[in-house]
Structure formats: structure tokens, C-alpha cells
Protein backbone atom coordinates (compact mmCIF):
# COMPACT_ATOMS: atom_id res chain seq x y z
CA MET A 1 89.87 126.16 173.08
CA THR A 2 86.20 127.07 172.80
CA TYR A 3 83.80 126.18 170.06
CA GLU A 4 83.72 129.89 169.04
CA GLY A 5 87.51 129.78 168.88
CA ARG A 6 87.44 126.85 166.74
CA LYS A 7 84.75 128.42 164.50
CA GLN A 8 87.26 131.56 164.11
CA GLY A 9 90.18 129.23 163.24
CA THR A 10 88.02 127.75 160.50
CA LYS A 11 87.03 131.18 159.26
CA GLN A 12 90.75 132.39 159.23
CA LEU A 13 91.97 129.27 157.48
CA ILE A 14 89.47 128.65 154.69
CA ASN A 15 86.92 131.69 155.02
CA ILE A 16 83.91 129.61 156.09
CA THR A 17 81.58 131.12 158.44
CA HIS A 18 78.16 129.30 157.91
CA LYS A 19 77.76 125.51 158.89
CA ALA A 20 81.62 125.78 159.55
CA PRO A 21 83.57 122.58 160.08
CA ILE A 22 85.59 122.43 163.18
CA ALA A 23 88.85 120.79 164.09
CA ILE A 24 88.62 119.05 167.36
CA ASP A 25 92.22 117.50 167.34
CA PRO A 26 93.87 117.76 164.02
CA THR A 27 96.99 115.73 165.03
CA SER A 28 94.36 112.84 165.81
CA SER A 29 92.50 113.64 162.49
CA ILE A 30 89.32 114.58 164.59
CA PHE A 31 87.23 116.94 162.39
CA PHE A 32 83.51 117.42 162.74
CA PHE A 33 80.92 119.05 160.55
CA PRO A 34 77.29 120.05 160.95
CA THR A 35 74.37 118.93 158.64
CA THR A 36 72.70 122.28 158.95
CA SER A 37 73.01 125.51 161.14
CA PRO A 38 74.33 124.35 164.49
CA LEU A 39 71.58 126.73 165.96
CA ARG A 40 68.73 124.37 164.64
CA PRO A 41 67.66 121.57 166.87
CA GLN A 42 67.80 119.12 163.99
CA CYS A 43 71.53 119.66 163.42
CA ILE A 44 73.68 116.55 163.31
CA TRP A 45 77.45 116.65 163.70
CA PHE A 46 79.24 114.06 161.84
CA SER A 47 82.96 112.99 162.25
CA HIS A 48 84.69 113.35 158.99
CA GLU A 49 86.97 110.44 159.86
CA HIS A 50 84.14 107.93 160.39
CA VAL A 51 82.03 108.61 156.97
CA VAL A 52 82.92 105.93 154.70
CA SER A 53 80.33 106.56 151.84
CA TYR A 54 76.97 108.36 151.28
CA GLU A 55 74.42 108.24 148.72
CA ARG A 56 71.31 109.98 147.54
CA LEU A 57 67.91 108.58 148.68
CA ASP A 58 65.76 111.36 147.14
CA SER A 59 66.14 115.03 146.59
CA LYS A 60 65.99 115.74 150.41
CA HIS A 61 67.29 112.50 152.10
CA THR A 62 70.89 111.00 152.15
CA THR A 63 72.05 107.48 153.51
CA ILE A 64 75.38 107.84 155.37
CA THR A 65 77.56 104.69 155.74
CA PHE A 66 80.22 104.67 158.74
CA ARG A 67 83.49 102.88 159.34
CA ASN A 68 81.57 100.26 161.58
CA ARG A 69 79.30 99.60 158.71
CA GLN A 70 76.25 101.02 160.32
CA THR A 71 74.17 103.46 158.23
CA ILE A 72 71.76 106.27 158.97
CA ASP A 73 69.24 108.25 156.85
CA ILE A 74 69.30 111.94 157.18
CA ALA A 75 66.92 114.65 156.15
CA VAL A 76 69.62 116.49 154.04
CA SER A 77 70.28 116.58 150.51
CA CYS A 78 73.13 114.59 149.24
CA SER A 79 74.70 117.76 147.57
CA SER A 80 74.50 119.64 150.89
CA PHE A 81 76.16 116.66 152.65
CA GLU A 82 78.79 116.31 150.02
CA ASN A 83 79.57 120.07 150.24
CA GLN A 84 79.95 119.76 153.93
CA LEU A 85 82.39 116.66 153.58
CA HIS A 86 84.53 118.52 151.16
CA ARG A 87 84.60 121.68 153.34
CA THR A 88 85.90 119.61 156.18
CA SER A 89 88.52 117.96 153.91
CA PHE A 90 89.73 121.34 152.88
CA LEU A 91 90.02 122.46 156.43
CA LYS A 92 91.87 119.28 157.29
CA THR A 93 94.30 119.75 154.34
CA LYS A 94 94.85 123.36 155.48
CA LEU A 95 95.61 122.53 159.06
CA ILE A 96 97.92 119.64 158.21
CA GLN A 97 99.71 121.99 155.78
CA ARG A 98 100.22 124.69 158.51
CA ILE A 99 101.31 121.89 161.07
CA GLU A 100 103.81 120.80 158.72
CA GLU A 101 105.05 124.10 157.86
CA THR A 102 105.51 124.94 161.50
CA LYS A 103 107.64 121.73 161.86
CA ARG A 104 109.74 122.54 158.88
CA LYS A 105 110.38 126.00 160.22
CA SER A 106 111.24 124.78 163.64
CA PHE A 107 113.64 122.29 162.21
CA TYR A 108 115.59 124.90 160.43
CA LEU A 109 115.44 127.29 163.28
CA PHE A 110 117.02 124.75 165.57
CA THR A 111 119.43 123.25 163.19
CA ASP A 112 122.62 124.66 161.90
CA ALA A 113 123.84 124.46 158.24
CA ASN A 114 125.47 121.23 158.90
CA GLY A 115 122.54 119.54 160.19
CA VAL A 116 123.66 119.64 163.82
CA LYS A 117 121.15 120.62 166.43
CA ALA A 118 122.23 124.10 167.73
CA SER A 119 121.45 122.88 171.33
CA GLU A 120 123.96 120.03 170.81
CA VAL A 121 126.82 122.43 169.70
CA ILE A 122 129.23 122.92 172.48
CA SER A 123 131.68 125.83 172.37
CA LYS A 124 134.67 125.84 174.69
CA TYR A 125 136.06 129.03 176.00
CA ILE A 126 139.92 128.97 175.49
CA PRO A 127 141.56 131.88 177.43
CA ARG A 128 144.56 133.50 175.80
């Protein structure tokens, strides 16, 4: 799937079009979000899974701490960074819910009322 396709998926699921987070691989929990418009050269993409904490440095700067304990200071307000992190969490939740719902539907589609998988049911033809 392309970047544009992933942006469209985000729009359909959570109705976000600007600075949209994207799902790279939902089953492996790989979600990224931009700090500003992806069209701007100063845009930085962060992996949702690797952000451990963040804190306000001043009104226009935030310090991010990653799982590997490294930190980075970025020229983005703390509230903007937090908003992007929350949008990504929302996308992640919605995608996981959809995956689980699809699994549930598939389970019931391929299982009969007694819990036996339909593909395992063998009926024998008995001529009369």
C-alpha cells in the first residue's frame, strides 16, 4: 500500500486529513505520526511505539524520550506533539478494533452452532 493509500485509510477510520498519522503495520504495532505537515522539510516522523515520554521545554519546544532512553529536543509545542500522539493512539485503537471485529466475523462464518469448524464437517452420501 502507498503512503497516499495509508493517508486515505486514516481519513476513513478517524476522519483526520492534516498531519495524519499512518499505520505502517498494525499487526506489529508500527504507527508513525508527523510533527508538522509532511510537505515541510522540517517535518519529523515518530514511531508511536518508541515514544516513552515527552515534556515541555518552552512554548515552542518539546523534549522526547524514546524506549532506548535517548532524548531529542524538537521545535514543536508540547500540546501539538501530544495531540499527534493522541491521534495516533486513536488510529491504533480503531484499527485494532476493526481487525478484531473481522476475526470475530470470520470465526462465526466458518464455525457452526456447535463450535465445529464447517470445513471439518463431513457428510456421507447414503444411497437408498
